[in-house]
């Protein structure tokens, strides 16, 4: 539970930096393209390059690197599961066999599992940079502008952008609520220790009030929006108009070069 507070997704750090001043559309497209390129990586070199780019962006954005490292803590179970799945399921030269079961850990599986776990860590770090450097309203406006061409196909761009923004903003709120409930139950004698199965069972008394609190917050938010005469994006205007600047074109060019390097680097290694 203490690691939940380290989740950076949905958290915004208000700092005056060149990354924060970029257009949200530029940042969204850059993050998505780099994430897709990283997911397709089959070698360590592209993953290291993408992770290095995330560290460089964090330094330029004046974000503490420990924030990115601590953000990976809550996903340790996912990295371990990914590593173990590939270690046991990838065919190759067996290094250790499970007694009584026809399953073995292979050298190829260890290498592939480490690659996939590292790739997943790089993708999570890149995704967290979007919300860390973009204010909630800017994120909503940027998504709405990007989705606006699909309105002709009947896509509710404003409503969809609002839903995504609210969902991201609810992540740190729910994390804080979960920590508060955890401390309250521990102070009343609750014990969350034990093995994975025992801890999962003991989390049920924590999840029930958490979901109730989440639904209550959602209901209050809906009432607040309705009392302010919110009726969707029909006829709505924006106080701040988004405009691409020279720094956005420079950031787009750098991102395109980085994505090309991530995609073409494996071919260069094979050659």
C-alpha atoms as a PDB file:
ATOM      1  CA  UNK A   1       0.000   0.000   0.000  1.00  0.00           C
ATOM      2  CA  UNK A   2       2.691   2.610   0.741  1.00  0.00           C
ATOM      3  CA  UNK A   3       3.919   2.269  -2.857  1.00  0.00           C
ATOM      4  CA  UNK A   4       0.598   3.509  -4.227  1.00  0.00           C
ATOM      5  CA  UNK A   5       1.507   7.112  -3.489  1.00  0.00           C
ATOM      6  CA  UNK A   6       4.376   6.787  -5.970  1.00  0.00           C
ATOM      7  CA  UNK A   7       2.074   6.377  -8.977  1.00  0.00           C
ATOM      8  CA  UNK A   8       2.724   9.388 -11.204  1.00  0.00           C
ATOM      9  CA  UNK A   9      -0.007   8.713 -13.776  1.00  0.00           C
ATOM     10  CA  UNK A  10      -2.610  11.470 -13.505  1.00  0.00           C
ATOM     11  CA  UNK A  11      -0.376  13.693 -11.365  1.00  0.00           C
ATOM     12  CA  UNK A  12       0.625  17.143 -12.601  1.00  0.00           C
ATOM     13  CA  UNK A  13       3.789  18.934 -11.470  1.00  0.00           C
ATOM     14  CA  UNK A  14       3.445  22.681 -12.070  1.00  0.00           C
ATOM     15  CA  UNK A  15       6.886  23.825 -13.219  1.00  0.00           C
ATOM     16  CA  UNK A  16       7.867  26.432 -15.788  1.00  0.00           C
ATOM     17  CA  UNK A  17       9.903  24.495 -18.345  1.00  0.00           C
ATOM     18  CA  UNK A  18      10.151  24.180 -22.152  1.00  0.00           C
ATOM     19  CA  UNK A  19       8.308  20.851 -21.988  1.00  0.00           C
ATOM     20  CA  UNK A  20       5.433  22.304 -19.973  1.00  0.00           C
ATOM     21  CA  UNK A  21       5.065  25.143 -22.499  1.00  0.00           C
ATOM     22  CA  UNK A  22       4.640  22.780 -25.448  1.00  0.00           C
ATOM     23  CA  UNK A  23       1.237  22.405 -27.049  1.00  0.00           C
ATOM     24  CA  UNK A  24      -0.615  19.444 -25.480  1.00  0.00           C
ATOM     25  CA  UNK A  25      -1.294  18.045 -28.954  1.00  0.00           C
ATOM     26  CA  UNK A  26       2.437  17.920 -29.636  1.00  0.00           C
ATOM     27  CA  UNK A  27       3.125  16.147 -26.369  1.00  0.00           C
ATOM     28  CA  UNK A  28       0.300  13.669 -26.836  1.00  0.00           C
ATOM     29  CA  UNK A  29       1.366  12.679 -30.350  1.00  0.00           C
ATOM     30  CA  UNK A  30       5.023  12.518 -29.299  1.00  0.00           C
ATOM     31  CA  UNK A  31       4.260  10.280 -26.325  1.00  0.00           C
ATOM     32  CA  UNK A  32       1.975   7.977 -28.302  1.00  0.00           C
ATOM     33  CA  UNK A  33       4.398   7.582 -31.216  1.00  0.00           C
ATOM     34  CA  UNK A  34       7.349   6.904 -28.908  1.00  0.00           C
ATOM     35  CA  UNK A  35       5.328   4.390 -26.875  1.00  0.00           C
ATOM     36  CA  UNK A  36       4.276   2.517 -30.013  1.00  0.00           C
ATOM     37  CA  UNK A  37       7.857   2.476 -31.286  1.00  0.00           C
ATOM     38  CA  UNK A  38       9.118   1.186 -27.928  1.00  0.00           C
ATOM     39  CA  UNK A  39       6.504  -1.575 -27.784  1.00  0.00           C
ATOM     40  CA  UNK A  40       7.732  -2.912 -31.131  1.00  0.00           C
ATOM     41  CA  UNK A  41      11.371  -3.085 -29.951  1.00  0.00           C
ATOM     42  CA  UNK A  42      12.947  -6.557 -30.068  1.00  0.00           C
ATOM     43  CA  UNK A  43      16.411  -5.576 -28.841  1.00  0.00           C
ATOM     44  CA  UNK A  44      17.845  -3.816 -25.818  1.00  0.00           C
ATOM     45  CA  UNK A  45      19.323  -0.898 -27.762  1.00  0.00           C
ATOM     46  CA  UNK A  46      15.953   0.694 -28.765  1.00  0.00           C
ATOM     47  CA  UNK A  47      14.603   0.204 -25.228  1.00  0.00           C
ATOM     48  CA  UNK A  48      17.670   1.878 -23.704  1.00  0.00           C
ATOM     49  CA  UNK A  49      17.365   4.701 -26.251  1.00  0.00           C
ATOM     50  CA  UNK A  50      13.689   5.267 -25.397  1.00  0.00           C
ATOM     51  CA  UNK A  51      14.411   5.153 -21.656  1.00  0.00           C
ATOM     52  CA  UNK A  52      17.265   7.611 -22.113  1.00  0.00           C
ATOM     53  CA  UNK A  53      14.935   9.924 -24.022  1.00  0.00           C
ATOM     54  CA  UNK A  54      12.438   9.776 -21.138  1.00  0.00           C
ATOM     55  CA  UNK A  55      15.194  10.682 -18.669  1.00  0.00           C
ATOM     56  CA  UNK A  56      16.349  13.560 -20.903  1.00  0.00           C
ATOM     57  CA  UNK A  57      12.785  14.920 -21.173  1.00  0.00           C
ATOM     58  CA  UNK A  58      12.386  14.693 -17.397  1.00  0.00           C
ATOM     59  CA  UNK A  59      15.600  16.680 -16.903  1.00  0.00           C
ATOM     60  CA  UNK A  60      14.515  19.343 -19.386  1.00  0.00           C
ATOM     61  CA  UNK A  61      11.098  19.476 -17.712  1.00  0.00           C
ATOM     62  CA  UNK A  62      12.828  19.964 -14.324  1.00  0.00           C
ATOM     63  CA  UNK A  63      11.186  16.838 -12.909  1.00  0.00           C
ATOM     64  CA  UNK A  64      13.015  14.843 -10.219  1.00  0.00           C
ATOM     65  CA  UNK A  65      14.277  11.549 -11.623  1.00  0.00           C
ATOM     66  CA  UNK A  66      13.317   9.813  -8.382  1.00  0.00           C
ATOM     67  CA  UNK A  67       9.695  10.524  -9.320  1.00  0.00           C
ATOM     68  CA  UNK A  68      10.042   8.386 -12.457  1.00  0.00           C
ATOM     69  CA  UNK A  69      11.889   5.654 -10.565  1.00  0.00           C
ATOM     70  CA  UNK A  70       9.370   5.589  -7.705  1.00  0.00           C
ATOM     71  CA  UNK A  71       6.562   5.466 -10.260  1.00  0.00           C
ATOM     72  CA  UNK A  72       7.802   2.027 -11.345  1.00  0.00           C
ATOM     73  CA  UNK A  73       7.529   0.628  -7.806  1.00  0.00           C
ATOM     74  CA  UNK A  74       3.774  -0.131  -7.836  1.00  0.00           C
ATOM     75  CA  UNK A  75       4.229  -2.048 -11.111  1.00  0.00           C
ATOM     76  CA  UNK A  76       6.891  -4.383  -9.737  1.00  0.00           C
ATOM     77  CA  UNK A  77       4.401  -7.264  -9.678  1.00  0.00           C
ATOM     78  CA  UNK A  78       3.687  -6.695 -13.388  1.00  0.00           C
ATOM     79  CA  UNK A  79       7.398  -6.711 -14.244  1.00  0.00           C
ATOM     80  CA  UNK A  80       7.907  -9.885 -12.218  1.00  0.00           C
ATOM     81  CA  UNK A  81       4.935 -11.605 -13.848  1.00  0.00           C
ATOM     82  CA  UNK A  82       6.136 -10.637 -17.332  1.00  0.00           C
ATOM     83  CA  UNK A  83       9.659 -11.839 -16.579  1.00  0.00           C
ATOM     84  CA  UNK A  84       8.494 -15.147 -15.097  1.00  0.00           C
ATOM     85  CA  UNK A  85       6.013 -15.806 -17.903  1.00  0.00           C
ATOM     86  CA  UNK A  86       8.689 -15.520 -20.578  1.00  0.00           C
ATOM     87  CA  UNK A  87      11.312 -17.307 -18.485  1.00  0.00           C
ATOM     88  CA  UNK A  88       9.130 -20.425 -18.158  1.00  0.00           C
ATOM     89  CA  UNK A  89       7.241 -20.345 -21.464  1.00  0.00           C
ATOM     90  CA  UNK A  90      10.016 -19.564 -23.956  1.00  0.00           C
ATOM     91  CA  UNK A  91      11.537 -22.671 -25.550  1.00  0.00           C
ATOM     92  CA  UNK A  92      15.297 -23.060 -25.561  1.00  0.00           C
ATOM     93  CA  UNK A  93      18.208 -24.512 -23.630  1.00  0.00           C
ATOM     94  CA  UNK A  94      16.891 -25.453 -20.138  1.00  0.00           C
ATOM     95  CA  UNK A  95      18.733 -24.035 -17.155  1.00  0.00           C
ATOM     96  CA  UNK A  96      16.466 -25.345 -14.387  1.00  0.00           C
ATOM     97  CA  UNK A  97      13.447 -27.641 -14.429  1.00  0.00           C
ATOM     98  CA  UNK A  98      10.507 -27.455 -12.050  1.00  0.00           C
ATOM     99  CA  UNK A  99      10.425 -30.740 -10.073  1.00  0.00           C
ATOM    100  CA  UNK A 100       7.552 -32.964 -11.130  1.00  0.00           C
ATOM    101  CA  UNK A 101       6.421 -30.640 -13.940  1.00  0.00           C
ATOM    102  CA  UNK A 102       7.542 -30.540 -17.542  1.00  0.00           C
ATOM    103  CA  UNK A 103       8.420 -26.844 -17.310  1.00  0.00           C
ATOM    104  CA  UNK A 104      11.911 -25.381 -17.406  1.00  0.00           C
ATOM    105  CA  UNK A 105      13.585 -22.003 -17.201  1.00  0.00           C
ATOM    106  CA  UNK A 106      15.533 -21.333 -20.387  1.00  0.00           C
ATOM    107  CA  UNK A 107      18.367 -18.946 -21.154  1.00  0.00           C
ATOM    108  CA  UNK A 108      16.344 -17.542 -24.029  1.00  0.00           C
ATOM    109  CA  UNK A 109      13.405 -17.055 -21.682  1.00  0.00           C
ATOM    110  CA  UNK A 110      15.479 -15.121 -19.147  1.00  0.00           C
ATOM    111  CA  UNK A 111      16.810 -12.832 -21.856  1.00  0.00           C
ATOM    112  CA  UNK A 112      13.390 -12.292 -23.416  1.00  0.00           C
ATOM    113  CA  UNK A 113      11.718 -11.796 -20.037  1.00  0.00           C
ATOM    114  CA  UNK A 114      14.233  -9.134 -19.019  1.00  0.00           C
ATOM    115  CA  UNK A 115      13.739  -7.388 -22.378  1.00  0.00           C
ATOM    116  CA  UNK A 116       9.952  -7.335 -22.095  1.00  0.00           C
ATOM    117  CA  UNK A 117      10.047  -6.169 -18.469  1.00  0.00           C
ATOM    118  CA  UNK A 118      12.477  -3.372 -19.371  1.00  0.00           C
ATOM    119  CA  UNK A 119      10.360  -2.414 -22.357  1.00  0.00           C
ATOM    120  CA  UNK A 120       7.268  -2.230 -20.173  1.00  0.00           C
ATOM    121  CA  UNK A 121       9.108  -0.032 -17.646  1.00  0.00           C
ATOM    122  CA  UNK A 122      10.181   2.337 -20.438  1.00  0.00           C
ATOM    123  CA  UNK A 123       6.614   2.591 -21.767  1.00  0.00           C
ATOM    124  CA  UNK A 124       5.205   3.369 -18.305  1.00  0.00           C
ATOM    125  CA  UNK A 125       7.844   6.070 -17.743  1.00  0.00           C
ATOM    126  CA  UNK A 126       7.103   7.663 -21.120  1.00  0.00           C
ATOM    127  CA  UNK A 127       3.337   7.625 -20.483  1.00  0.00           C
ATOM    128  CA  UNK A 128       3.718   9.274 -17.070  1.00  0.00           C
ATOM    129  CA  UNK A 129       5.551  12.223 -18.633  1.00  0.00           C
ATOM    130  CA  UNK A 130       2.350  13.274 -20.395  1.00  0.00           C
ATOM    131  CA  UNK A 131       0.346  13.951 -17.250  1.00  0.00           C
ATOM    132  CA  UNK A 132       3.344  15.170 -15.240  1.00  0.00           C
ATOM    133  CA  UNK A 133       3.929  18.021 -17.700  1.00  0.00           C
ATOM    134  CA  UNK A 134       0.373  18.810 -18.864  1.00  0.00           C
ATOM    135  CA  UNK A 135      -2.345  20.558 -16.862  1.00  0.00           C
ATOM    136  CA  UNK A 136      -5.737  18.793 -16.803  1.00  0.00           C
ATOM    137  CA  UNK A 137      -7.540  21.479 -18.796  1.00  0.00           C
ATOM    138  CA  UNK A 138      -4.747  21.582 -21.374  1.00  0.00           C
ATOM    139  CA  UNK A 139      -4.958  17.822 -21.718  1.00  0.00           C
ATOM    140  CA  UNK A 140      -8.709  18.020 -22.288  1.00  0.00           C
ATOM    141  CA  UNK A 141      -8.379  20.788 -24.879  1.00  0.00           C
ATOM    142  CA  UNK A 142      -5.576  18.967 -26.689  1.00  0.00           C
ATOM    143  CA  UNK A 143      -7.466  15.680 -26.895  1.00  0.00           C
ATOM    144  CA  UNK A 144     -10.594  17.470 -28.070  1.00  0.00           C
ATOM    145  CA  UNK A 145      -8.682  19.230 -30.845  1.00  0.00           C
ATOM    146  CA  UNK A 146      -7.061  15.979 -31.954  1.00  0.00           C
ATOM    147  CA  UNK A 147     -10.396  14.153 -32.021  1.00  0.00           C
ATOM    148  CA  UNK A 148     -12.386  17.012 -33.582  1.00  0.00           C
ATOM    149  CA  UNK A 149     -11.924  15.780 -37.212  1.00  0.00           C
ATOM    150  CA  UNK A 150     -13.808  12.600 -36.263  1.00  0.00           C
ATOM    151  CA  UNK A 151     -16.920  14.560 -35.319  1.00  0.00           C
ATOM    152  CA  UNK A 152     -18.135  14.110 -38.873  1.00  0.00           C
ATOM    153  CA  UNK A 153     -18.259  10.384 -38.154  1.00  0.00           C
ATOM    154  CA  UNK A 154     -20.404  10.962 -35.072  1.00  0.00           C
ATOM    155  CA  UNK A 155     -17.616  10.748 -32.498  1.00  0.00           C
ATOM    156  CA  UNK A 156     -18.341  12.964 -29.447  1.00  0.00           C
ATOM    157  CA  UNK A 157     -14.862  14.496 -29.278  1.00  0.00           C
ATOM    158  CA  UNK A 158     -15.480  16.827 -26.354  1.00  0.00           C
ATOM    159  CA  UNK A 159     -17.223  14.249 -24.200  1.00  0.00           C
ATOM    160  CA  UNK A 160     -14.566  11.621 -24.892  1.00  0.00           C
ATOM    161  CA  UNK A 161     -11.743  14.049 -24.090  1.00  0.00           C
ATOM    162  CA  UNK A 162     -13.507  15.074 -20.884  1.00  0.00           C
ATOM    163  CA  UNK A 163     -13.919  11.424 -19.848  1.00  0.00           C
ATOM    164  CA  UNK A 164     -10.228  10.670 -20.419  1.00  0.00           C
ATOM    165  CA  UNK A 165      -9.150  13.766 -18.504  1.00  0.00           C
ATOM    166  CA  UNK A 166     -11.439  13.033 -15.547  1.00  0.00           C
ATOM    167  CA  UNK A 167     -10.298   9.402 -15.467  1.00  0.00           C
ATOM    168  CA  UNK A 168      -6.641  10.435 -15.308  1.00  0.00           C
ATOM    169  CA  UNK A 169      -7.325  12.993 -12.605  1.00  0.00           C
ATOM    170  CA  UNK A 170      -9.186  10.409 -10.537  1.00  0.00           C
ATOM    171  CA  UNK A 171      -6.112   8.145 -10.335  1.00  0.00           C
ATOM    172  CA  UNK A 172      -4.212  10.196  -7.686  1.00  0.00           C
ATOM    173  CA  UNK A 173      -7.494  10.952  -5.890  1.00  0.00           C
ATOM    174  CA  UNK A 174      -8.324   7.249  -5.580  1.00  0.00           C
ATOM    175  CA  UNK A 175      -4.754   6.470  -4.522  1.00  0.00           C
ATOM    176  CA  UNK A 176      -5.008   9.037  -1.743  1.00  0.00           C
ATOM    177  CA  UNK A 177      -8.384   7.634  -0.707  1.00  0.00           C
ATOM    178  CA  UNK A 178      -6.965   4.084  -0.650  1.00  0.00           C
ATOM    179  CA  UNK A 179      -4.078   5.162   1.566  1.00  0.00           C
ATOM    180  CA  UNK A 180      -6.451   6.929   3.952  1.00  0.00           C
ATOM    181  CA  UNK A 181      -8.649   3.837   4.232  1.00  0.00           C
ATOM    182  CA  UNK A 182      -5.587   1.629   4.687  1.00  0.00           C
ATOM    183  CA  UNK A 183      -4.277   3.738   7.573  1.00  0.00           C
ATOM    184  CA  UNK A 184      -7.721   3.861   9.154  1.00  0.00           C
ATOM    185  CA  UNK A 185      -8.135   0.088   9.051  1.00  0.00           C
ATOM    186  CA  UNK A 186      -4.585  -0.579  10.281  1.00  0.00           C
ATOM    187  CA  UNK A 187      -5.217   1.731  13.241  1.00  0.00           C
ATOM    188  CA  UNK A 188      -8.246  -0.413  14.061  1.00  0.00           C
ATOM    189  CA  UNK A 189      -6.201  -3.619  14.108  1.00  0.00           C
ATOM    190  CA  UNK A 190      -6.478  -4.789  10.506  1.00  0.00           C
ATOM    191  CA  UNK A 191      -3.601  -6.980   9.327  1.00  0.00           C
ATOM    192  CA  UNK A 192      -2.678  -6.901   5.621  1.00  0.00           C
ATOM    193  CA  UNK A 193       0.414  -9.109   5.905  1.00  0.00           C
ATOM    194  CA  UNK A 194       0.815 -12.662   4.633  1.00  0.00           C
ATOM    195  CA  UNK A 195       1.236 -14.349   1.283  1.00  0.00           C
ATOM    196  CA  UNK A 196      -0.179 -13.090  -2.031  1.00  0.00           C
ATOM    197  CA  UNK A 197      -3.448 -15.057  -1.682  1.00  0.00           C
ATOM    198  CA  UNK A 198      -3.953 -14.064   1.960  1.00  0.00           C
ATOM    199  CA  UNK A 199      -3.217 -10.404   1.211  1.00  0.00           C
ATOM    200  CA  UNK A 200      -5.643 -10.446  -1.727  1.00  0.00           C
ATOM    201  CA  UNK A 201      -8.401 -11.746   0.535  1.00  0.00           C
ATOM    202  CA  UNK A 202      -7.635  -9.171   3.216  1.00  0.00           C
ATOM    203  CA  UNK A 203      -7.890  -6.352   0.646  1.00  0.00           C
ATOM    204  CA  UNK A 204     -11.611  -6.996   0.100  1.00  0.00           C
ATOM    205  CA  UNK A 205     -12.649  -4.909   3.172  1.00  0.00           C
ATOM    206  CA  UNK A 206     -10.507  -2.135   1.711  1.00  0.00           C
ATOM    207  CA  UNK A 207     -11.817  -2.314  -1.858  1.00  0.00           C
ATOM    208  CA  UNK A 208     -15.501  -2.171  -0.900  1.00  0.00           C
ATOM    209  CA  UNK A 209     -15.365   1.276   0.807  1.00  0.00           C
ATOM    210  CA  UNK A 210     -12.956   2.457  -1.902  1.00  0.00           C
ATOM    211  CA  UNK A 211     -15.461   1.686  -4.655  1.00  0.00           C
ATOM    212  CA  UNK A 212     -18.273   3.246  -2.625  1.00  0.00           C
ATOM    213  CA  UNK A 213     -16.199   6.413  -2.166  1.00  0.00           C
ATOM    214  CA  UNK A 214     -15.361   6.462  -5.888  1.00  0.00           C
ATOM    215  CA  UNK A 215     -19.035   6.217  -6.880  1.00  0.00           C
ATOM    216  CA  UNK A 216     -19.882   8.953  -4.363  1.00  0.00           C
ATOM    217  CA  UNK A 217     -17.219  11.248  -5.829  1.00  0.00           C
ATOM    218  CA  UNK A 218     -18.474  10.543  -9.338  1.00  0.00           C
ATOM    219  CA  UNK A 219     -22.035  11.348  -8.278  1.00  0.00           C
ATOM    220  CA  UNK A 220     -20.964  14.640  -6.676  1.00  0.00           C
ATOM    221  CA  UNK A 221     -18.979  15.528  -9.778  1.00  0.00           C
ATOM    222  CA  UNK A 222     -21.982  14.830 -12.010  1.00  0.00           C
ATOM    223  CA  UNK A 223     -24.222  17.009  -9.802  1.00  0.00           C
ATOM    224  CA  UNK A 224     -21.636  19.810  -9.826  1.00  0.00           C
ATOM    225  CA  UNK A 225     -21.356  19.724 -13.629  1.00  0.00           C
ATOM    226  CA  UNK A 226     -25.125  19.631 -14.036  1.00  0.00           C
ATOM    227  CA  UNK A 227     -25.629  22.546 -11.610  1.00  0.00           C
ATOM    228  CA  UNK A 228     -23.240  24.562 -13.796  1.00  0.00           C
ATOM    229  CA  UNK A 229     -25.402  23.797 -16.845  1.00  0.00           C
ATOM    230  CA  UNK A 230     -22.901  21.471 -18.483  1.00  0.00           C
ATOM    231  CA  UNK A 231     -24.501  19.964 -21.586  1.00  0.00           C
ATOM    232  CA  UNK A 232     -21.523  18.546 -23.460  1.00  0.00           C
ATOM    233  CA  UNK A 233     -19.473  20.198 -26.165  1.00  0.00           C
ATOM    234  CA  UNK A 234     -22.319  21.630 -28.214  1.00  0.00           C
ATOM    235  CA  UNK A 235     -21.773  25.380 -28.573  1.00  0.00           C
ATOM    236  CA  UNK A 236     -18.888  25.493 -26.110  1.00  0.00           C
ATOM    237  CA  UNK A 237     -15.851  27.686 -26.696  1.00  0.00           C
ATOM    238  CA  UNK A 238     -12.404  27.734 -25.124  1.00  0.00           C
ATOM    239  CA  UNK A 239     -10.952  30.646 -23.174  1.00  0.00           C
ATOM    240  CA  UNK A 240      -7.460  29.628 -24.248  1.00  0.00           C
ATOM    241  CA  UNK A 241      -6.934  28.881 -27.922  1.00  0.00           C
ATOM    242  CA  UNK A 242      -4.240  26.338 -28.740  1.00  0.00           C
ATOM    243  CA  UNK A 243      -1.701  27.427 -31.332  1.00  0.00           C
ATOM    244  CA  UNK A 244       1.359  25.593 -32.540  1.00  0.00           C
ATOM    245  CA  UNK A 245       4.620  27.504 -32.131  1.00  0.00           C
ATOM    246  CA  UNK A 246       8.150  27.034 -33.359  1.00  0.00           C
ATOM    247  CA  UNK A 247       9.086  25.000 -30.300  1.00  0.00           C
ATOM    248  CA  UNK A 248       6.327  22.541 -31.172  1.00  0.00           C
ATOM    249  CA  UNK A 249       7.733  22.029 -34.654  1.00  0.00           C
ATOM    250  CA  UNK A 250      11.193  21.500 -33.170  1.00  0.00           C
ATOM    251  CA  UNK A 251       9.823  18.997 -30.649  1.00  0.00           C
ATOM    252  CA  UNK A 252       7.950  17.170 -33.427  1.00  0.00           C
ATOM    253  CA  UNK A 253      11.110  16.966 -35.551  1.00  0.00           C
ATOM    254  CA  UNK A 254      13.147  15.641 -32.610  1.00  0.00           C
ATOM    255  CA  UNK A 255      10.443  13.086 -31.813  1.00  0.00           C
ATOM    256  CA  UNK A 256      10.291  11.930 -35.430  1.00  0.00           C
ATOM    257  CA  UNK A 257      14.054  11.448 -35.447  1.00  0.00           C
ATOM    258  CA  UNK A 258      13.939   9.572 -32.146  1.00  0.00           C
ATOM    259  CA  UNK A 259      11.103   7.302 -33.292  1.00  0.00           C
ATOM    260  CA  UNK A 260      12.962   6.572 -36.524  1.00  0.00           C
ATOM    261  CA  UNK A 261      16.085   5.703 -34.534  1.00  0.00           C
ATOM    262  CA  UNK A 262      14.124   3.376 -32.239  1.00  0.00           C
ATOM    263  CA  UNK A 263      12.526   1.616 -35.205  1.00  0.00           C
ATOM    264  CA  UNK A 264      15.638   1.408 -37.412  1.00  0.00           C
ATOM    265  CA  UNK A 265      18.196   0.605 -34.727  1.00  0.00           C
ATOM    266  CA  UNK A 266      17.424  -3.147 -34.651  1.00  0.00           C
ATOM    267  CA  UNK A 267      17.946  -3.354 -38.432  1.00  0.00           C
ATOM    268  CA  UNK A 268      21.307  -1.659 -38.038  1.00  0.00           C
ATOM    269  CA  UNK A 269      22.308  -4.107 -35.310  1.00  0.00           C
ATOM    270  CA  UNK A 270      21.378  -7.090 -37.464  1.00  0.00           C
ATOM    271  CA  UNK A 271      23.310  -5.688 -40.402  1.00  0.00           C
END
